Structures are given as C-alpha cells and as structure tokens.
Amino acid sequence: MALHVLPGEDKAPIPYDRINAEDMRLIGACAQRAFDWMWDFKRRSMRDDLIDPDKMLIAMDIALAHLHKNLKLYQWLLSSDFDFVADLVAITKHVDRARGTFPADVRLAFEGSGDSLIKPH
C-alpha cells in the first residue's frame, strides 16, 4: 500500500509496500494493543477532553517508524505495558507524517539493529 503525494508536494510517497505481510500483521496487532490501551486510559481517567484514538492513524505511525527503525515488532507486542507505551509515545511524538520521516537520533527500546527499510537518497 503506498500513499499518494499531495498536490504541490515534490516528495515520493511513503513506501508502505516495502513492509512484508507478516510485519503488517504485527503492526496491526500493535496498533490494536495501542488503541485498546489509549481507549482504556481515556475511560479510566474520565478525560472527555481527549480525542478518541484512531486505530488506522496509530498503525500508520507504527508502520512509518518501522520503515525507518526496522522495529522488533513481535518483541514489542509481547512487552510490558510500560515498555510498550514508552516506545508508542516516542513514536507518536516524533513521527513526521507530512514528510514521512522519523528522526534517526530518536532511540526506541525495540528498534532493530539492521538497516531501515527506506534507503537514504
């Protein structure tokens, strides 16, 4: 799945098609866990001022971070709530959806040691 470039932009689409089917399944599972955690947090804290979580947006953020950091998705999915949420917050805080980038200097507990799935220009 590749997203389209907005009119007037000169960047390439985000290459989500470089993510294999198994990783996409794990990204979906991670997004579901994140969605459930966010929804439960909103309910428990009685924070009606918080916007409802969007599972598709969460999945896109995770996928974009995975493209740049080659995340250890299975280990992340099975991690403790504390470790899971720590990386989730870092991802949502630092992902740049408009440019399709994730900063190289941001370290995640579950980032892979291999190359990113996006080759530098």
PDB file of N, CA and C in Angstrom:
ATOM      1  N   MET A   1       0.855  -1.165   0.000  1.00  0.00           N
ATOM      2  CA  MET A   1       0.000   0.000   0.000  1.00  0.00           C
ATOM      3  C   MET A   1       0.899   1.225   0.000  1.00  0.00           C
ATOM      4  N   ALA A   2       0.732   2.097  -0.927  1.00  0.00           N
ATOM      5  CA  ALA A   2       1.508   3.338  -0.993  1.00  0.00           C
ATOM      6  C   ALA A   2       0.548   4.515  -0.925  1.00  0.00           C
ATOM      7  N   LEU A   3       0.868   5.469  -0.096  1.00  0.00           N
ATOM      8  CA  LEU A   3       0.050   6.672  -0.009  1.00  0.00           C
ATOM      9  C   LEU A   3       0.404   7.597  -1.154  1.00  0.00           C
ATOM     10  N   HIS A   4      -0.550   8.397  -1.549  1.00  0.00           N
ATOM     11  CA  HIS A   4      -0.330   9.314  -2.659  1.00  0.00           C
ATOM     12  C   HIS A   4       0.305  10.609  -2.182  1.00  0.00           C
ATOM     13  N   VAL A   5       1.019  11.248  -3.068  1.00  0.00           N
ATOM     14  CA  VAL A   5       1.626  12.549  -2.777  1.00  0.00           C
ATOM     15  C   VAL A   5       0.548  13.608  -2.914  1.00  0.00           C
ATOM     16  N   LEU A   6       0.513  14.540  -1.970  1.00  0.00           N
ATOM     17  CA  LEU A   6      -0.451  15.628  -2.039  1.00  0.00           C
ATOM     18  C   LEU A   6      -0.080  16.585  -3.163  1.00  0.00           C
ATOM     19  N   PRO A   7      -1.058  17.228  -3.797  1.00  0.00           N
ATOM     20  CA  PRO A   7      -0.750  18.185  -4.853  1.00  0.00           C
ATOM     21  C   PRO A   7       0.211  19.263  -4.365  1.00  0.00           C
ATOM     22  N   GLY A   8       1.179  19.604  -5.195  1.00  0.00           N
ATOM     23  CA  GLY A   8       2.138  20.635  -4.865  1.00  0.00           C
ATOM     24  C   GLY A   8       3.332  20.138  -4.072  1.00  0.00           C
ATOM     25  N   GLU A   9       3.338  18.880  -3.683  1.00  0.00           N
ATOM     26  CA  GLU A   9       4.475  18.331  -2.947  1.00  0.00           C
ATOM     27  C   GLU A   9       5.419  17.640  -3.920  1.00  0.00           C
ATOM     28  N   ASP A  10       6.696  17.687  -3.623  1.00  0.00           N
ATOM     29  CA  ASP A  10       7.669  17.091  -4.519  1.00  0.00           C
ATOM     30  C   ASP A  10       8.352  15.873  -3.913  1.00  0.00           C
ATOM     31  N   LYS A  11       7.760  15.302  -2.883  1.00  0.00           N
ATOM     32  CA  LYS A  11       8.364  14.132  -2.258  1.00  0.00           C
ATOM     33  C   LYS A  11       7.696  12.854  -2.771  1.00  0.00           C
ATOM     34  N   ALA A  12       8.415  11.765  -2.622  1.00  0.00           N
ATOM     35  CA  ALA A  12       7.879  10.472  -3.033  1.00  0.00           C
ATOM     36  C   ALA A  12       6.874   9.986  -1.993  1.00  0.00           C
ATOM     37  N   PRO A  13       5.946   9.115  -2.398  1.00  0.00           N
ATOM     38  CA  PRO A  13       5.007   8.567  -1.421  1.00  0.00           C
ATOM     39  C   PRO A  13       5.745   7.697  -0.394  1.00  0.00           C
ATOM     40  N   ILE A  14       5.139   7.532   0.741  1.00  0.00           N
ATOM     41  CA  ILE A  14       5.724   6.678   1.776  1.00  0.00           C
ATOM     42  C   ILE A  14       5.631   5.235   1.293  1.00  0.00           C
ATOM     43  N   PRO A  15       6.746   4.513   1.240  1.00  0.00           N
ATOM     44  CA  PRO A  15       6.749   3.166   0.633  1.00  0.00           C
ATOM     45  C   PRO A  15       6.277   2.063   1.588  1.00  0.00           C
ATOM     46  N   TYR A  16       5.006   2.125   1.982  1.00  0.00           N
ATOM     47  CA  TYR A  16       4.471   1.096   2.863  1.00  0.00           C
ATOM     48  C   TYR A  16       4.542  -0.286   2.218  1.00  0.00           C
ATOM     49  N   ASP A  17       4.643  -0.343   0.894  1.00  0.00           N
ATOM     50  CA  ASP A  17       4.700  -1.634   0.205  1.00  0.00           C
ATOM     51  C   ASP A  17       6.004  -2.392   0.482  1.00  0.00           C
ATOM     52  N   ARG A  18       6.980  -1.756   1.111  1.00  0.00           N
ATOM     53  CA  ARG A  18       8.229  -2.442   1.485  1.00  0.00           C
ATOM     54  C   ARG A  18       8.079  -3.260   2.760  1.00  0.00           C
ATOM     55  N   ILE A  19       6.945  -3.149   3.411  1.00  0.00           N
ATOM     56  CA  ILE A  19       6.695  -3.910   4.636  1.00  0.00           C
ATOM     57  C   ILE A  19       6.047  -5.237   4.245  1.00  0.00           C
ATOM     58  N   ASN A  20       6.645  -6.333   4.693  1.00  0.00           N
ATOM     59  CA  ASN A  20       6.115  -7.647   4.318  1.00  0.00           C
ATOM     60  C   ASN A  20       4.807  -7.946   5.057  1.00  0.00           C
ATOM     61  N   ALA A  21       4.111  -8.977   4.602  1.00  0.00           N
ATOM     62  CA  ALA A  21       2.778  -9.302   5.120  1.00  0.00           C
ATOM     63  C   ALA A  21       2.804  -9.641   6.610  1.00  0.00           C
ATOM     64  N   GLU A  22       3.803 -10.376   7.061  1.00  0.00           N
ATOM     65  CA  GLU A  22       3.889 -10.738   8.479  1.00  0.00           C
ATOM     66  C   GLU A  22       4.099  -9.492   9.343  1.00  0.00           C
ATOM     67  N   ASP A  23       4.971  -8.587   8.901  1.00  0.00           N
ATOM     68  CA  ASP A  23       5.182  -7.354   9.654  1.00  0.00           C
ATOM     69  C   ASP A  23       3.922  -6.490   9.652  1.00  0.00           C
ATOM     70  N   MET A  24       3.195  -6.478   8.553  1.00  0.00           N
ATOM     71  CA  MET A  24       1.930  -5.719   8.511  1.00  0.00           C
ATOM     72  C   MET A  24       0.928  -6.295   9.505  1.00  0.00           C
ATOM     73  N   ARG A  25       0.900  -7.623   9.629  1.00  0.00           N
ATOM     74  CA  ARG A  25       0.008  -8.262  10.599  1.00  0.00           C
ATOM     75  C   ARG A  25       0.408  -7.852  12.025  1.00  0.00           C
ATOM     76  N   LEU A  26       1.712  -7.852  12.292  1.00  0.00           N
ATOM     77  CA  LEU A  26       2.193  -7.461  13.617  1.00  0.00           C
ATOM     78  C   LEU A  26       1.945  -5.972  13.890  1.00  0.00           C
ATOM     79  N   ILE A  27       2.091  -5.141  12.872  1.00  0.00           N
ATOM     80  CA  ILE A  27       1.788  -3.713  13.023  1.00  0.00           C
ATOM     81  C   ILE A  27       0.317  -3.535  13.384  1.00  0.00           C
ATOM     82  N   GLY A  28      -0.547  -4.292  12.732  1.00  0.00           N
ATOM     83  CA  GLY A  28      -1.977  -4.249  13.059  1.00  0.00           C
ATOM     84  C   GLY A  28      -2.250  -4.674  14.491  1.00  0.00           C
ATOM     85  N   ALA A  29      -1.550  -5.710  14.952  1.00  0.00           N
ATOM     86  CA  ALA A  29      -1.720  -6.176  16.331  1.00  0.00           C
ATOM     87  C   ALA A  29      -1.197  -5.146  17.329  1.00  0.00           C
ATOM     88  N   CYS A  30      -0.067  -4.525  17.016  1.00  0.00           N
ATOM     89  CA  CYS A  30       0.473  -3.463  17.876  1.00  0.00           C
ATOM     90  C   CYS A  30      -0.472  -2.264  17.911  1.00  0.00           C
ATOM     91  N   ALA A  31      -1.036  -1.915  16.764  1.00  0.00           N
ATOM     92  CA  ALA A  31      -1.978  -0.798  16.698  1.00  0.00           C
ATOM     93  C   ALA A  31      -3.230  -1.108  17.518  1.00  0.00           C
ATOM     94  N   GLN A  32      -3.684  -2.351  17.472  1.00  0.00           N
ATOM     95  CA  GLN A  32      -4.853  -2.752  18.267  1.00  0.00           C
ATOM     96  C   GLN A  32      -4.546  -2.639  19.761  1.00  0.00           C
ATOM     97  N   ARG A  33      -3.361  -3.119  20.155  1.00  0.00           N
ATOM     98  CA  ARG A  33      -2.976  -3.018  21.573  1.00  0.00           C
ATOM     99  C   ARG A  33      -2.891  -1.550  22.004  1.00  0.00           C
ATOM    100  N   ALA A  34      -2.292  -0.718  21.168  1.00  0.00           N
ATOM    101  CA  ALA A  34      -2.178   0.711  21.480  1.00  0.00           C
ATOM    102  C   ALA A  34      -3.562   1.359  21.574  1.00  0.00           C
ATOM    103  N   PHE A  35      -4.421   1.036  20.624  1.00  0.00           N
ATOM    104  CA  PHE A  35      -5.789   1.565  20.616  1.00  0.00           C
ATOM    105  C   PHE A  35      -6.517   1.183  21.898  1.00  0.00           C
ATOM    106  N   ASP A  36      -6.443  -0.101  22.272  1.00  0.00           N
ATOM    107  CA  ASP A  36      -7.116  -0.571  23.480  1.00  0.00           C
ATOM    108  C   ASP A  36      -6.574   0.141  24.718  1.00  0.00           C
ATOM    109  N   TRP A  37      -5.240   0.299  24.788  1.00  0.00           N
ATOM    110  CA  TRP A  37      -4.638   0.965  25.934  1.00  0.00           C
ATOM    111  C   TRP A  37      -5.089   2.425  26.005  1.00  0.00           C
ATOM    112  N   MET A  38      -5.085   3.125  24.864  1.00  0.00           N
ATOM    113  CA  MET A  38      -5.490   4.533  24.839  1.00  0.00           C
ATOM    114  C   MET A  38      -6.962   4.697  25.215  1.00  0.00           C
ATOM    115  N   TRP A  39      -7.796   3.819  24.685  1.00  0.00           N
ATOM    116  CA  TRP A  39      -9.226   3.894  24.973  1.00  0.00           C
ATOM    117  C   TRP A  39      -9.468   3.639  26.462  1.00  0.00           C
ATOM    118  N   ASP A  40      -8.780   2.641  27.012  1.00  0.00           N
ATOM    119  CA  ASP A  40      -8.937   2.327  28.424  1.00  0.00           C
ATOM    120  C   ASP A  40      -8.427   3.474  29.301  1.00  0.00           C
ATOM    121  N   PHE A  41      -7.295   4.078  28.920  1.00  0.00           N
ATOM    122  CA  PHE A  41      -6.780   5.224  29.666  1.00  0.00           C
ATOM    123  C   PHE A  41      -7.792   6.369  29.678  1.00  0.00           C
ATOM    124  N   LYS A  42      -8.374   6.643  28.524  1.00  0.00           N
ATOM    125  CA  LYS A  42      -9.357   7.731  28.431  1.00  0.00           C
ATOM    126  C   LYS A  42     -10.564   7.431  29.315  1.00  0.00           C
ATOM    127  N   ARG A  43     -11.022   6.176  29.301  1.00  0.00           N
ATOM    128  CA  ARG A  43     -12.183   5.793  30.101  1.00  0.00           C
ATOM    129  C   ARG A  43     -11.870   5.856  31.599  1.00  0.00           C
ATOM    130  N   ARG A  44     -10.730   5.276  32.017  1.00  0.00           N
ATOM    131  CA  ARG A  44     -10.367   5.232  33.433  1.00  0.00           C
ATOM    132  C   ARG A  44     -10.106   6.619  34.009  1.00  0.00           C
ATOM    133  N   SER A  45      -9.503   7.479  33.208  1.00  0.00           N
ATOM    134  CA  SER A  45      -9.176   8.815  33.724  1.00  0.00           C
ATOM    135  C   SER A  45     -10.327   9.801  33.558  1.00  0.00           C
ATOM    136  N   MET A  46     -11.424   9.331  32.947  1.00  0.00           N
ATOM    137  CA  MET A  46     -12.606  10.166  32.717  1.00  0.00           C
ATOM    138  C   MET A  46     -12.244  11.471  32.026  1.00  0.00           C
ATOM    139  N   ARG A  47     -11.446  11.365  30.991  1.00  0.00           N
ATOM    140  CA  ARG A  47     -10.965  12.537  30.257  1.00  0.00           C
ATOM    141  C   ARG A  47     -11.750  12.687  28.955  1.00  0.00           C
ATOM    142  N   ASP A  48     -12.886  13.299  29.032  1.00  0.00           N
ATOM    143  CA  ASP A  48     -13.690  13.534  27.839  1.00  0.00           C
ATOM    144  C   ASP A  48     -13.057  14.553  26.910  1.00  0.00           C
ATOM    145  N   ASP A  49     -12.061  15.301  27.408  1.00  0.00           N
ATOM    146  CA  ASP A  49     -11.409  16.308  26.582  1.00  0.00           C
ATOM    147  C   ASP A  49     -10.385  15.678  25.631  1.00  0.00           C
ATOM    148  N   LEU A  50     -10.010  14.418  25.853  1.00  0.00           N
ATOM    149  CA  LEU A  50      -9.078  13.739  24.949  1.00  0.00           C
ATOM    150  C   LEU A  50      -9.816  13.246  23.718  1.00  0.00           C
ATOM    151  N   ILE A  51      -9.190  13.395  22.564  1.00  0.00           N
ATOM    152  CA  ILE A  51      -9.833  12.890  21.354  1.00  0.00           C
ATOM    153  C   ILE A  51      -9.795  11.365  21.365  1.00  0.00           C
ATOM    154  N   ASP A  52     -10.737  10.760  20.687  1.00  0.00           N
ATOM    155  CA  ASP A  52     -10.768   9.302  20.599  1.00  0.00           C
ATOM    156  C   ASP A  52      -9.586   8.817  19.767  1.00  0.00           C
ATOM    157  N   PRO A  53      -8.976   7.709  20.175  1.00  0.00           N
ATOM    158  CA  PRO A  53      -7.854   7.178  19.389  1.00  0.00           C
ATOM    159  C   PRO A  53      -8.331   6.692  18.022  1.00  0.00           C
ATOM    160  N   ASP A  54      -7.459   6.775  17.038  1.00  0.00           N
ATOM    161  CA  ASP A  54      -7.748   6.352  15.664  1.00  0.00           C
ATOM    162  C   ASP A  54      -6.800   5.199  15.328  1.00  0.00           C
ATOM    163  N   LYS A  55      -7.351   3.996  15.224  1.00  0.00           N
ATOM    164  CA  LYS A  55      -6.526   2.809  15.028  1.00  0.00           C
ATOM    165  C   LYS A  55      -5.737   2.862  13.720  1.00  0.00           C
ATOM    166  N   MET A  56      -6.307   3.391  12.674  1.00  0.00           N
ATOM    167  CA  MET A  56      -5.604   3.466  11.382  1.00  0.00           C
ATOM    168  C   MET A  56      -4.428   4.442  11.467  1.00  0.00           C
ATOM    169  N   LEU A  57      -4.633   5.565  12.125  1.00  0.00           N
ATOM    170  CA  LEU A  57      -3.557   6.548  12.300  1.00  0.00           C
ATOM    171  C   LEU A  57      -2.430   5.970  13.156  1.00  0.00           C
ATOM    172  N   ILE A  58      -2.796   5.238  14.200  1.00  0.00           N
ATOM    173  CA  ILE A  58      -1.797   4.580  15.043  1.00  0.00           C
ATOM    174  C   ILE A  58      -0.990   3.589  14.202  1.00  0.00           C
ATOM    175  N   ALA A  59      -1.671   2.788  13.396  1.00  0.00           N
ATOM    176  CA  ALA A  59      -0.990   1.799  12.545  1.00  0.00           C
ATOM    177  C   ALA A  59      -0.063   2.482  11.545  1.00  0.00           C
ATOM    178  N   MET A  60      -0.496   3.597  10.967  1.00  0.00           N
ATOM    179  CA  MET A  60       0.352   4.320  10.013  1.00  0.00           C
ATOM    180  C   MET A  60       1.598   4.868  10.695  1.00  0.00           C
ATOM    181  N   ASP A  61       1.458   5.384  11.912  1.00  0.00           N
ATOM    182  CA  ASP A  61       2.618   5.886  12.650  1.00  0.00           C
ATOM    183  C   ASP A  61       3.601   4.758  12.966  1.00  0.00           C
ATOM    184  N   ILE A  62       3.072   3.624  13.405  1.00  0.00           N
ATOM    185  CA  ILE A  62       3.928   2.478  13.707  1.00  0.00           C
ATOM    186  C   ILE A  62       4.620   1.990  12.441  1.00  0.00           C
ATOM    187  N   ALA A  63       3.881   1.914  11.338  1.00  0.00           N
ATOM    188  CA  ALA A  63       4.464   1.462  10.071  1.00  0.00           C
ATOM    189  C   ALA A  63       5.567   2.406   9.602  1.00  0.00           C
ATOM    190  N   LEU A  64       5.357   3.693   9.738  1.00  0.00           N
ATOM    191  CA  LEU A  64       6.364   4.666   9.339  1.00  0.00           C
ATOM    192  C   LEU A  64       7.614   4.533  10.209  1.00  0.00           C
ATOM    193  N   ALA A  65       7.421   4.383  11.517  1.00  0.00           N
ATOM    194  CA  ALA A  65       8.571   4.164  12.406  1.00  0.00           C
ATOM    195  C   ALA A  65       9.279   2.860  12.041  1.00  0.00           C
ATOM    196  N   HIS A  66       8.520   1.829  11.693  1.00  0.00           N
ATOM    197  CA  HIS A  66       9.110   0.544  11.312  1.00  0.00           C
ATOM    198  C   HIS A  66       9.951   0.684  10.040  1.00  0.00           C
ATOM    199  N   LEU A  67       9.475   1.456   9.094  1.00  0.00           N
ATOM    200  CA  LEU A  67      10.240   1.673   7.869  1.00  0.00           C
ATOM    201  C   LEU A  67      11.601   2.297   8.170  1.00  0.00           C
ATOM    202  N   HIS A  68      11.655   3.175   9.146  1.00  0.00           N
ATOM    203  CA  HIS A  68      12.897   3.874   9.472  1.00  0.00           C
ATOM    204  C   HIS A  68      13.755   3.147  10.504  1.00  0.00           C
ATOM    205  N   LYS A  69      13.128   2.391  11.414  1.00  0.00           N
ATOM    206  CA  LYS A  69      13.854   1.797  12.544  1.00  0.00           C
ATOM    207  C   LYS A  69      13.873   0.263  12.521  1.00  0.00           C
ATOM    208  N   ASN A  70      13.189  -0.356  11.561  1.00  0.00           N
ATOM    209  CA  ASN A  70      13.143  -1.815  11.461  1.00  0.00           C
ATOM    210  C   ASN A  70      12.816  -2.419  12.835  1.00  0.00           C
ATOM    211  N   LEU A  71      11.656  -2.048  13.360  1.00  0.00           N
ATOM    212  CA  LEU A  71      11.260  -2.414  14.713  1.00  0.00           C
ATOM    213  C   LEU A  71      11.194  -3.925  14.920  1.00  0.00           C
ATOM    214  N   LYS A  72      11.488  -4.340  16.134  1.00  0.00           N
ATOM    215  CA  LYS A  72      11.304  -5.738  16.546  1.00  0.00           C
ATOM    216  C   LYS A  72       9.840  -5.847  16.996  1.00  0.00           C
ATOM    217  N   LEU A  73       8.965  -5.992  16.030  1.00  0.00           N
ATOM    218  CA  LEU A  73       7.525  -5.878  16.272  1.00  0.00           C
ATOM    219  C   LEU A  73       6.996  -6.950  17.213  1.00  0.00           C
ATOM    220  N   TYR A  74       7.441  -8.189  17.039  1.00  0.00           N
ATOM    221  CA  TYR A  74       6.933  -9.278  17.870  1.00  0.00           C
ATOM    222  C   TYR A  74       7.330  -9.071  19.331  1.00  0.00           C
ATOM    223  N   GLN A  75       8.589  -8.710  19.562  1.00  0.00           N
ATOM    224  CA  GLN A  75       9.046  -8.467  20.921  1.00  0.00           C
ATOM    225  C   GLN A  75       8.319  -7.270  21.537  1.00  0.00           C
ATOM    226  N   TRP A  76       8.105  -6.234  20.732  1.00  0.00           N
ATOM    227  CA  TRP A  76       7.397  -5.055  21.214  1.00  0.00           C
ATOM    228  C   TRP A  76       5.955  -5.404  21.598  1.00  0.00           C
ATOM    229  N   LEU A  77       5.302  -6.194  20.755  1.00  0.00           N
ATOM    230  CA  LEU A  77       3.919  -6.592  21.015  1.00  0.00           C
ATOM    231  C   LEU A  77       3.804  -7.356  22.337  1.00  0.00           C
ATOM    232  N   LEU A  78       4.806  -8.178  22.658  1.00  0.00           N
ATOM    233  CA  LEU A  78       4.760  -9.006  23.865  1.00  0.00           C
ATOM    234  C   LEU A  78       5.346  -8.316  25.097  1.00  0.00           C
ATOM    235  N   SER A  79       5.818  -7.096  24.951  1.00  0.00           N
ATOM    236  CA  SER A  79       6.480  -6.394  26.054  1.00  0.00           C
ATOM    237  C   SER A  79       5.476  -5.951  27.127  1.00  0.00           C
ATOM    238  N   SER A  80       6.017  -5.520  28.257  1.00  0.00           N
ATOM    239  CA  SER A  80       5.178  -4.994  29.345  1.00  0.00           C
ATOM    240  C   SER A  80       4.466  -3.725  28.882  1.00  0.00           C
ATOM    241  N   ASP A  81       3.399  -3.372  29.585  1.00  0.00           N
ATOM    242  CA  ASP A  81       2.680  -2.139  29.251  1.00  0.00           C
ATOM    243  C   ASP A  81       3.604  -0.931  29.313  1.00  0.00           C
ATOM    244  N   PHE A  82       4.449  -0.885  30.327  1.00  0.00           N
ATOM    245  CA  PHE A  82       5.359   0.246  30.488  1.00  0.00           C
ATOM    246  C   PHE A  82       6.274   0.393  29.271  1.00  0.00           C
ATOM    247  N   ASP A  83       6.918  -0.699  28.866  1.00  0.00           N
ATOM    248  CA  ASP A  83       7.833  -0.646  27.721  1.00  0.00           C
ATOM    249  C   ASP A  83       7.090  -0.383  26.410  1.00  0.00           C
ATOM    250  N   PHE A  84       5.913  -0.994  26.274  1.00  0.00           N
ATOM    251  CA  PHE A  84       5.120  -0.796  25.057  1.00  0.00           C
ATOM    252  C   PHE A  84       4.727   0.672  24.907  1.00  0.00           C
ATOM    253  N   VAL A  85       4.195   1.238  25.973  1.00  0.00           N
ATOM    254  CA  VAL A  85       3.718   2.622  25.923  1.00  0.00           C
ATOM    255  C   VAL A  85       4.885   3.600  25.768  1.00  0.00           C
ATOM    256  N   ALA A  86       6.029   3.293  26.364  1.00  0.00           N
ATOM    257  CA  ALA A  86       7.191   4.186  26.229  1.00  0.00           C
ATOM    258  C   ALA A  86       7.585   4.347  24.763  1.00  0.00           C
ATOM    259  N   ASP A  87       7.665   3.237  24.017  1.00  0.00           N
ATOM    260  CA  ASP A  87       8.005   3.347  22.596  1.00  0.00           C
ATOM    261  C   ASP A  87       6.855   3.958  21.796  1.00  0.00           C
ATOM    262  N   LEU A  88       5.623   3.633  22.157  1.00  0.00           N
ATOM    263  CA  LEU A  88       4.470   4.208  21.459  1.00  0.00           C
ATOM    264  C   LEU A  88       4.457   5.730  21.583  1.00  0.00           C
ATOM    265  N   VAL A  89       4.708   6.234  22.771  1.00  0.00           N
ATOM    266  CA  VAL A  89       4.723   7.687  22.987  1.00  0.00           C
ATOM    267  C   VAL A  89       5.862   8.318  22.183  1.00  0.00           C
ATOM    268  N   ALA A  90       7.027   7.681  22.189  1.00  0.00           N
ATOM    269  CA  ALA A  90       8.154   8.215  21.408  1.00  0.00           C
ATOM    270  C   ALA A  90       7.820   8.247  19.920  1.00  0.00           C
ATOM    271  N   ILE A  91       7.164   7.203  19.434  1.00  0.00           N
ATOM    272  CA  ILE A  91       6.790   7.157  18.020  1.00  0.00           C
ATOM    273  C   ILE A  91       5.805   8.271  17.695  1.00  0.00           C
ATOM    274  N   THR A  92       4.731   8.368  18.471  1.00  0.00           N
ATOM    275  CA  THR A  92       3.709   9.378  18.152  1.00  0.00           C
ATOM    276  C   THR A  92       4.218  10.800  18.336  1.00  0.00           C
ATOM    277  N   LYS A  93       5.182  10.973  19.231  1.00  0.00           N
ATOM    278  CA  LYS A  93       5.742  12.306  19.451  1.00  0.00           C
ATOM    279  C   LYS A  93       6.676  12.733  18.317  1.00  0.00           C
ATOM    280  N   HIS A  94       7.429  11.807  17.762  1.00  0.00           N
ATOM    281  CA  HIS A  94       8.490  12.175  16.831  1.00  0.00           C
ATOM    282  C   HIS A  94       8.200  11.888  15.351  1.00  0.00           C
ATOM    283  N   VAL A  95       7.198  11.098  15.051  1.00  0.00           N
ATOM    284  CA  VAL A  95       6.915  10.798  13.653  1.00  0.00           C
ATOM    285  C   VAL A  95       6.471  12.081  12.935  1.00  0.00           C
ATOM    286  N   ASP A  96       6.959  12.268  11.730  1.00  0.00           N
ATOM    287  CA  ASP A  96       6.568  13.431  10.920  1.00  0.00           C
ATOM    288  C   ASP A  96       5.730  12.907   9.758  1.00  0.00           C
ATOM    289  N   ARG A  97       4.427  12.938   9.936  1.00  0.00           N
ATOM    290  CA  ARG A  97       3.520  12.380   8.921  1.00  0.00           C
ATOM    291  C   ARG A  97       3.586  13.162   7.615  1.00  0.00           C
ATOM    292  N   ALA A  98       3.750  14.455   7.694  1.00  0.00           N
ATOM    293  CA  ALA A  98       3.772  15.289   6.488  1.00  0.00           C
ATOM    294  C   ALA A  98       4.966  14.959   5.594  1.00  0.00           C
ATOM    295  N   ARG A  99       6.105  14.683   6.198  1.00  0.00           N
ATOM    296  CA  ARG A  99       7.314  14.383   5.418  1.00  0.00           C
ATOM    297  C   ARG A  99       7.567  12.888   5.287  1.00  0.00           C
ATOM    298  N   GLY A 100       6.853  12.085   6.070  1.00  0.00           N
ATOM    299  CA  GLY A 100       7.063  10.644   6.030  1.00  0.00           C
ATOM    300  C   GLY A 100       8.399  10.239   6.624  1.00  0.00           C
ATOM    301  N   THR A 101       8.806  10.927   7.701  1.00  0.00           N
ATOM    302  CA  THR A 101      10.117  10.660   8.287  1.00  0.00           C
ATOM    303  C   THR A 101      10.010  10.361   9.777  1.00  0.00           C
ATOM    304  N   PHE A 102      11.091   9.792  10.288  1.00  0.00           N
ATOM    305  CA  PHE A 102      11.253   9.555  11.711  1.00  0.00           C
ATOM    306  C   PHE A 102      12.706   9.860  12.025  1.00  0.00           C
ATOM    307  N   PRO A 103      12.992  10.698  13.029  1.00  0.00           N
ATOM    308  CA  PRO A 103      14.366  11.129  13.286  1.00  0.00           C
ATOM    309  C   PRO A 103      15.312   9.965  13.605  1.00  0.00           C
ATOM    310  N   ALA A 104      16.475   9.993  12.991  1.00  0.00           N
ATOM    311  CA  ALA A 104      17.478   8.949  13.204  1.00  0.00           C
ATOM    312  C   ALA A 104      18.024   8.973  14.620  1.00  0.00           C
ATOM    313  N   ASP A 105      18.017  10.146  15.263  1.00  0.00           N
ATOM    314  CA  ASP A 105      18.611  10.252  16.597  1.00  0.00           C
ATOM    315  C   ASP A 105      17.664   9.852  17.726  1.00  0.00           C
ATOM    316  N   VAL A 106      16.413   9.559  17.430  1.00  0.00           N
ATOM    317  CA  VAL A 106      15.471   9.102  18.449  1.00  0.00           C
ATOM    318  C   VAL A 106      15.639   7.596  18.603  1.00  0.00           C
ATOM    319  N   ARG A 107      15.966   7.163  19.803  1.00  0.00           N
ATOM    320  CA  ARG A 107      16.190   5.748  20.072  1.00  0.00           C
ATOM    321  C   ARG A 107      14.940   5.124  20.671  1.00  0.00           C
ATOM    322  N   LEU A 108      14.606   3.944  20.174  1.00  0.00           N
ATOM    323  CA  LEU A 108      13.472   3.179  20.679  1.00  0.00           C
ATOM    324  C   LEU A 108      13.991   1.890  21.299  1.00  0.00           C
ATOM    325  N   ALA A 109      13.332   1.429  22.342  1.00  0.00           N
ATOM    326  CA  ALA A 109      13.761   0.197  23.005  1.00  0.00           C
ATOM    327  C   ALA A 109      13.668  -1.001  22.063  1.00  0.00           C
ATOM    328  N   PHE A 110      12.731  -0.986  21.135  1.00  0.00           N
ATOM    329  CA  PHE A 110      12.510  -2.127  20.263  1.00  0.00           C
ATOM    330  C   PHE A 110      12.905  -1.849  18.807  1.00  0.00           C
ATOM    331  N   GLU A 111      13.834  -0.929  18.616  1.00  0.00           N
ATOM    332  CA  GLU A 111      14.325  -0.697  17.258  1.00  0.00           C
ATOM    333  C   GLU A 111      15.292  -1.817  16.890  1.00  0.00           C
ATOM    334  N   GLY A 112      15.257  -2.210  15.628  1.00  0.00           N
ATOM    335  CA  GLY A 112      16.122  -3.279  15.158  1.00  0.00           C
ATOM    336  C   GLY A 112      17.550  -2.804  14.959  1.00  0.00           C
ATOM    337  N   SER A 113      18.422  -3.761  14.882  1.00  0.00           N
ATOM    338  CA  SER A 113      19.845  -3.413  14.686  1.00  0.00           C
ATOM    339  C   SER A 113      20.207  -3.359  13.213  1.00  0.00           C
ATOM    340  N   GLY A 114      19.320  -3.789  12.342  1.00  0.00           N
ATOM    341  CA  GLY A 114      19.601  -3.803  10.913  1.00  0.00           C
ATOM    342  C   GLY A 114      19.307  -2.480  10.248  1.00  0.00           C
ATOM    343  N   ASP A 115      19.431  -2.481   8.944  1.00  0.00           N
ATOM    344  CA  ASP A 115      19.155  -1.277   8.156  1.00  0.00           C
ATOM    345  C   ASP A 115      17.681  -0.949   8.149  1.00  0.00           C
ATOM    346  N   SER A 116      17.394   0.328   7.892  1.00  0.00           N
ATOM    347  CA  SER A 116      15.993   0.723   7.746  1.00  0.00           C
ATOM    348  C   SER A 116      15.467   0.168   6.425  1.00  0.00           C
ATOM    349  N   LEU A 117      14.162   0.137   6.296  1.00  0.00           N
ATOM    350  CA  LEU A 117      13.547  -0.342   5.062  1.00  0.00           C
ATOM    351  C   LEU A 117      13.486   0.739   4.004  1.00  0.00           C
ATOM    352  N   ILE A 118      13.847   1.966   4.390  1.00  0.00           N
ATOM    353  CA  ILE A 118      13.888   3.087   3.456  1.00  0.00           C
ATOM    354  C   ILE A 118      15.356   3.405   3.199  1.00  0.00           C
ATOM    355  N   LYS A 119      15.738   3.381   1.962  1.00  0.00           N
ATOM    356  CA  LYS A 119      17.115   3.698   1.604  1.00  0.00           C
ATOM    357  C   LYS A 119      17.279   5.203   1.523  1.00  0.00           C
ATOM    358  N   PRO A 120      18.370   5.746   2.101  1.00  0.00           N
ATOM    359  CA  PRO A 120      18.587   7.195   2.020  1.00  0.00           C
ATOM    360  C   PRO A 120      18.779   7.643   0.583  1.00  0.00           C
ATOM    361  N   HIS A 121      18.399   8.889   0.337  1.00  0.00           N
ATOM    362  CA  HIS A 121      18.518   9.438  -1.041  1.00  0.00           C
ATOM    363  C   HIS A 121      19.934   9.810  -1.340  1.00  0.00           C
TER     364      HIS A 121
END
